[in-house]
Amino acid sequence: MKTMMIALAGVSLSAGLLAHAAPADAQFRSLRNAVKKVEDTANDVRDAAEDVEAAARTVEGVANSDGRSVVGAVTGGRGAAVNQAMRQRSNYPQTARAPDHVGRAGPAPAKYVDQISCANLNVGNAFVAEAGDYTFSQGISTETRGGLINRANVSPTNGCYFPGLGVGDVLYVEVDKAAYARGAYRIQCVSYDGSEQLDNVQGPRQGNYTGKDVMLHTGHSLGYTPTASGSNSDRSNAYRDYLDGRGRTMLTFNFGPLHTDKSGTDFFCQWYDRDTNKSAVAFTYRRGPQG
């Protein structure tokens, strides 16, 4: 009898284990699928989170002094801007031009301009733009993304010099990739009167924008080419390949505000290689307040 009871108990235990094995296996499969899904969408989640932060910095903007649309301005106030940022899933840093923006830099003193010595980087395909939203169509749906819009083509003087920039502008240039890689560049900025210098922390930002901000999504209505489909990372990779195919690399510089600089301060800046005493790019910009 004792043997029979032990045998029955063993059968019961085995049946119980088998009964739980199938659900457990299904749970593990479900977990693996869930993990894969999270990994597949990680970039989009990160982009959405960064958009919320960017929107919070820019929703107070109004019309620019020169008539171009403000970066990140959204009808409906702060809440509407945050909601829009969550929908658009872009990943660009934004700098809003303030209501009391003081304009763009005036002519630089000759003592600075005369010192420009451009590296032989074949600077070209340059434009000044703003970071903002654009729409594109897929079938009957319309979606929103962020990138560099309101572009105006510009040509350098003295080979690499771009004067007259201001808060909210983004300067985009292309240079020879191999030649640029041989340098070690850093920002140098000095006010026109020589009383203030800016470094990598306080000066204009370099490299805040990537290929996805330049290569907008296929189906947009702004007319910029080339375009690509897919996620932000897909478009960034596609633009990198596009540049690589031409032996080029991209540089961007953007200019943030300083709310205590009410009257504005003009700076002469250069992206400078101390080893060669040459500049990849030089420019002037006017720092000003943000509302």
Protein backbone atom coordinates (compact mmCIF):
# COMPACT_ATOMS: atom_id res chain seq x y z
CA MET A 1 0.00 0.00 0.00
CA LYS A 2 2.82 2.35 0.97
CA THR A 3 4.56 1.64 -2.34
CA MET A 4 1.35 2.30 -4.26
CA MET A 5 0.80 5.61 -2.46
CA ILE A 6 4.35 6.70 -3.25
CA ALA A 7 3.87 5.73 -6.89
CA LEU A 8 0.59 7.64 -7.08
CA ALA A 9 2.22 10.66 -5.49
CA GLY A 10 5.00 10.50 -8.06
CA VAL A 11 2.51 10.34 -10.91
CA SER A 12 0.62 13.29 -9.45
CA LEU A 13 3.81 15.32 -9.05
CA SER A 14 4.92 14.54 -12.61
CA ALA A 15 1.54 15.55 -13.96
CA GLY A 16 1.71 18.79 -12.02
CA LEU A 17 5.16 19.60 -13.34
CA LEU A 18 4.05 18.86 -16.89
CA ALA A 19 0.99 21.02 -16.42
CA HIS A 20 3.16 23.94 -15.37
CA ALA A 21 5.92 23.36 -17.94
CA ALA A 22 3.86 24.36 -20.95
CA PRO A 23 2.64 27.66 -19.49
CA ALA A 24 6.15 28.45 -18.24
CA ASP A 25 7.62 27.78 -21.67
CA ALA A 26 4.98 29.99 -23.24
CA GLN A 27 5.80 32.70 -20.74
CA PHE A 28 9.50 32.55 -21.62
CA ARG A 29 8.67 32.79 -25.32
CA SER A 30 6.44 35.76 -24.59
CA LEU A 31 9.19 37.36 -22.53
CA ARG A 32 11.74 36.88 -25.30
CA ASN A 33 9.36 38.46 -27.79
CA ALA A 34 8.73 41.37 -25.46
CA VAL A 35 12.45 41.95 -24.98
CA LYS A 36 13.00 41.92 -28.74
CA LYS A 37 10.19 44.41 -29.21
CA VAL A 38 11.71 46.72 -26.61
CA GLU A 39 15.11 46.48 -28.29
CA ASP A 40 13.57 47.20 -31.69
CA THR A 41 11.92 50.38 -30.43
CA ALA A 42 14.59 51.64 -28.03
CA ASN A 43 15.80 54.35 -30.39
CA ASP A 44 12.31 55.72 -30.92
CA VAL A 45 11.64 55.80 -27.17
CA ARG A 46 14.87 57.71 -26.58
CA ASP A 47 14.03 60.15 -29.35
CA ALA A 48 10.59 60.82 -27.90
CA ALA A 49 12.00 61.50 -24.45
CA GLU A 50 14.54 63.94 -25.82
CA ASP A 51 11.82 65.71 -27.77
CA VAL A 52 9.94 66.44 -24.57
CA GLU A 53 13.05 68.06 -23.12
CA ALA A 54 13.63 70.03 -26.31
CA ALA A 55 10.03 71.21 -26.46
CA ALA A 56 10.18 72.41 -22.88
CA ARG A 57 13.09 74.66 -23.84
CA THR A 58 11.46 76.18 -26.89
CA VAL A 59 7.70 76.53 -26.49
CA GLU A 60 7.88 80.16 -25.40
CA GLY A 61 9.21 81.29 -28.81
CA VAL A 62 7.28 83.69 -31.05
CA ALA A 63 7.87 85.08 -34.56
CA ASN A 64 11.46 85.86 -35.48
CA SER A 65 12.58 89.41 -35.97
CA ASP A 66 13.40 88.57 -39.60
CA GLY A 67 10.08 86.87 -40.28
CA ARG A 68 11.23 83.25 -40.27
CA SER A 69 9.28 80.74 -38.21
CA VAL A 70 10.36 80.21 -34.62
CA VAL A 71 11.95 76.91 -33.66
CA GLY A 72 9.45 74.81 -31.79
CA ALA A 73 6.66 77.40 -31.57
CA VAL A 74 3.35 75.57 -31.19
CA THR A 75 -0.20 76.90 -31.04
CA GLY A 76 -1.91 75.84 -27.83
CA GLY A 77 0.79 76.58 -25.29
CA ARG A 78 3.28 74.45 -23.40
CA GLY A 79 1.09 71.37 -23.10
CA ALA A 80 0.41 71.29 -26.83
CA ALA A 81 4.11 71.60 -27.57
CA VAL A 82 5.01 68.72 -25.29
CA ASN A 83 2.29 66.56 -26.83
CA GLN A 84 3.52 67.39 -30.30
CA ALA A 85 7.09 66.55 -29.32
CA MET A 86 5.97 63.16 -28.07
CA ARG A 87 4.27 62.51 -31.40
CA GLN A 88 7.08 63.63 -33.67
CA ARG A 89 9.86 61.54 -32.10
CA SER A 90 12.70 63.68 -33.37
CA ASN A 91 16.11 64.10 -31.77
CA TYR A 92 17.36 67.56 -32.52
CA PRO A 93 18.55 70.21 -30.09
CA GLN A 94 16.58 73.42 -30.41
CA THR A 95 17.45 77.07 -29.85
CA ALA A 96 14.52 79.48 -29.91
CA ARG A 97 14.89 83.02 -31.11
CA ALA A 98 13.57 85.34 -28.43
CA PRO A 99 10.97 88.11 -28.80
CA ASP A 100 13.65 90.69 -27.94
CA HIS A 101 16.38 89.07 -30.01
CA VAL A 102 18.92 91.69 -30.96
CA GLY A 103 19.69 90.53 -34.50
CA ARG A 104 22.80 89.18 -36.18
CA ALA A 105 26.46 90.07 -35.92
CA GLY A 106 27.72 93.20 -37.60
CA PRO A 107 30.95 93.44 -39.59
CA ALA A 108 33.94 92.03 -37.72
CA PRO A 109 37.00 94.14 -36.94
CA ALA A 110 39.68 93.80 -39.60
CA LYS A 111 42.23 92.67 -37.00
CA TYR A 112 40.30 89.39 -36.66
CA VAL A 113 39.32 88.85 -40.28
CA ASP A 114 42.89 89.47 -41.45
CA GLN A 115 44.09 86.62 -39.22
CA ILE A 116 41.90 83.97 -40.85
CA SER A 117 44.01 81.18 -42.32
CA CYS A 118 41.76 78.50 -43.79
CA ALA A 119 42.75 74.86 -43.81
CA ASN A 120 42.57 73.32 -47.25
CA LEU A 121 39.31 71.43 -46.63
CA ASN A 122 37.31 72.42 -49.72
CA VAL A 123 34.46 73.93 -47.67
CA GLY A 124 31.16 73.83 -49.57
CA ASN A 125 27.45 73.03 -49.77
CA ALA A 126 26.85 75.40 -46.85
CA PHE A 127 23.55 76.74 -45.60
CA VAL A 128 22.10 78.56 -42.60
CA ALA A 129 18.93 77.02 -41.19
CA GLU A 130 16.75 76.65 -38.12
CA ALA A 131 15.76 73.55 -36.22
CA GLY A 132 12.02 72.98 -36.50
CA ASP A 133 9.19 70.69 -37.49
CA TYR A 134 8.20 69.48 -40.94
CA THR A 135 5.54 67.09 -42.20
CA PHE A 136 5.59 64.28 -44.72
CA SER A 137 2.91 62.08 -46.23
CA GLN A 138 2.70 58.30 -46.34
CA GLY A 139 -0.43 57.12 -48.08
CA ILE A 140 -3.31 59.09 -46.61
CA SER A 141 -1.52 59.84 -43.33
CA THR A 142 0.58 62.88 -42.46
CA GLU A 143 3.39 62.64 -39.91
CA THR A 144 5.65 65.18 -38.21
CA ARG A 145 9.39 65.05 -37.73
CA GLY A 146 12.10 67.49 -36.74
CA GLY A 147 15.07 68.66 -38.76
CA LEU A 148 16.84 71.64 -40.28
CA ILE A 149 14.32 73.83 -42.09
CA ASN A 150 14.14 77.35 -43.56
CA ARG A 151 17.50 76.78 -45.22
CA ALA A 152 19.34 79.56 -47.00
CA ASN A 153 22.37 78.64 -49.09
CA VAL A 154 25.50 80.62 -48.23
CA SER A 155 29.02 80.83 -49.64
CA PRO A 156 32.13 81.49 -47.56
CA THR A 157 34.36 84.48 -48.01
CA ASN A 158 38.12 84.09 -47.67
CA GLY A 159 37.59 80.37 -48.29
CA CYS A 160 35.97 79.43 -44.97
CA TYR A 161 34.47 82.56 -43.35
CA PHE A 162 30.71 82.93 -42.69
CA PRO A 163 29.79 86.29 -41.13
CA GLY A 164 26.52 87.61 -39.76
CA LEU A 165 24.93 84.81 -37.70
CA GLY A 166 22.68 85.04 -34.65
CA VAL A 167 20.82 83.20 -31.92
CA GLY A 168 18.71 80.38 -33.37
CA ASP A 169 20.78 79.99 -36.54
CA VAL A 170 22.37 76.67 -37.46
CA LEU A 171 25.36 76.78 -39.79
CA TYR A 172 25.86 73.61 -41.87
CA VAL A 173 28.99 73.03 -43.97
CA GLU A 174 30.65 70.10 -45.71
CA VAL A 175 34.41 69.55 -45.82
CA ASP A 176 36.83 66.98 -47.20
CA LYS A 177 36.62 64.00 -44.84
CA ALA A 178 40.21 62.74 -45.06
CA ALA A 179 41.78 66.19 -44.74
CA TYR A 180 39.52 67.13 -41.83
CA ALA A 181 40.37 63.91 -39.96
CA ARG A 182 44.04 64.93 -39.86
CA GLY A 183 43.25 67.99 -37.72
CA ALA A 184 42.37 68.49 -34.05
CA TYR A 185 39.86 71.33 -33.94
CA ARG A 186 38.36 73.31 -31.09
CA ILE A 187 36.27 76.46 -30.84
CA GLN A 188 37.79 79.88 -30.23
CA CYS A 189 35.59 82.96 -29.79
CA VAL A 190 36.45 86.52 -28.80
CA SER A 191 34.14 89.51 -28.53
CA TYR A 192 34.72 92.32 -31.01
CA ASP A 193 36.04 94.58 -28.24
CA GLY A 194 38.34 91.84 -26.91
CA SER A 195 36.82 91.87 -23.42
CA GLU A 196 35.31 88.37 -23.47
CA GLN A 197 36.38 84.95 -24.72
CA LEU A 198 34.23 81.82 -25.08
CA ASP A 199 35.41 78.22 -24.89
CA ASN A 200 33.93 74.83 -25.80
CA VAL A 201 31.50 75.04 -22.87
CA GLN A 202 30.25 78.60 -23.22
CA GLY A 203 30.66 79.09 -26.93
CA PRO A 204 28.67 77.93 -29.96
CA ARG A 205 27.81 74.23 -30.08
CA GLN A 206 29.48 72.06 -32.68
CA GLY A 207 28.08 68.74 -33.92
CA ASN A 208 24.63 68.97 -32.31
CA TYR A 209 22.95 67.82 -35.51
CA THR A 210 23.23 64.55 -37.44
CA GLY A 211 22.29 63.20 -40.84
CA LYS A 212 18.63 62.71 -39.95
CA ASP A 213 18.30 66.48 -39.48
CA VAL A 214 19.64 67.13 -42.98
CA MET A 215 18.22 64.16 -44.90
CA LEU A 216 14.53 64.68 -44.23
CA HIS A 217 11.94 61.93 -44.58
CA THR A 218 10.83 61.07 -48.11
CA GLY A 219 7.47 62.68 -48.89
CA HIS A 220 8.14 66.02 -47.21
CA SER A 221 7.04 69.22 -48.93
CA LEU A 222 10.05 71.49 -48.36
CA GLY A 223 11.93 70.49 -51.50
CA TYR A 224 15.24 69.53 -49.87
CA THR A 225 17.15 66.59 -51.36
CA PRO A 226 18.32 63.92 -50.92
CA THR A 227 15.66 62.23 -48.79
CA ALA A 228 15.28 58.82 -47.15
CA SER A 229 12.62 56.76 -45.41
CA GLY A 230 12.76 54.92 -42.12
CA SER A 231 13.64 55.82 -38.56
CA ASN A 232 15.89 58.65 -37.41
CA SER A 233 18.85 56.27 -37.20
CA ASP A 234 18.06 54.87 -40.66
CA ARG A 235 18.20 58.35 -42.17
CA SER A 236 21.36 59.29 -40.27
CA ASN A 237 23.07 56.16 -41.56
CA ALA A 238 21.84 56.84 -45.09
CA TYR A 239 23.19 60.39 -45.01
CA ARG A 240 26.53 59.23 -43.62
CA ASP A 241 26.79 56.80 -46.53
CA TYR A 242 25.82 59.60 -48.92
CA LEU A 243 28.61 61.81 -47.59
CA ASP A 244 31.13 58.95 -47.47
CA GLY A 245 30.44 58.22 -51.12
CA ARG A 246 31.62 61.73 -51.97
CA GLY A 247 34.52 61.78 -49.53
CA ARG A 248 32.82 64.43 -47.40
CA THR A 249 31.87 64.98 -43.77
CA MET A 250 29.41 67.45 -42.23
CA LEU A 251 29.93 70.12 -39.57
CA THR A 252 27.21 72.06 -37.77
CA PHE A 253 27.37 75.03 -35.41
CA ASN A 254 24.42 76.44 -33.49
CA PHE A 255 24.11 79.49 -31.29
CA GLY A 256 22.31 79.59 -27.98
CA PRO A 257 21.02 82.66 -26.13
CA LEU A 258 22.16 84.29 -22.92
CA HIS A 259 19.25 85.98 -21.15
CA THR A 260 21.49 88.42 -19.27
CA ASP A 261 23.03 89.76 -22.50
CA LYS A 262 20.21 92.23 -23.12
CA SER A 263 21.93 94.42 -25.69
CA GLY A 264 23.76 91.62 -27.50
CA THR A 265 27.46 90.94 -27.94
CA ASP A 266 29.17 90.24 -31.26
CA PHE A 267 31.80 87.49 -31.39
CA PHE A 268 34.38 86.41 -33.93
CA CYS A 269 34.86 82.63 -33.79
CA GLN A 270 36.89 79.98 -35.52
CA TRP A 271 36.96 76.18 -35.50
CA TYR A 272 40.69 76.12 -35.05
CA ASP A 273 43.51 73.56 -35.28
CA ARG A 274 46.31 74.64 -32.91
CA ASP A 275 48.77 72.22 -34.51
CA THR A 276 48.56 73.91 -37.91
CA ASN A 277 47.29 77.37 -36.88
CA LYS A 278 44.54 77.03 -39.46
CA SER A 279 40.76 77.10 -39.28
CA ALA A 280 38.26 74.69 -40.75
CA VAL A 281 35.55 77.35 -40.45
CA ALA A 282 35.36 80.92 -39.13
CA PHE A 283 32.20 82.93 -38.45
CA THR A 284 30.68 85.80 -36.51
CA TYR A 285 27.55 85.69 -34.40
CA ARG A 286 25.63 87.95 -32.07
CA ARG A 287 24.78 86.49 -28.69
CA GLY A 288 21.56 87.83 -27.28
CA PRO A 289 18.82 87.28 -24.72
CA GLN A 290 16.09 84.70 -24.57
CA GLY A 291 12.93 86.40 -23.40
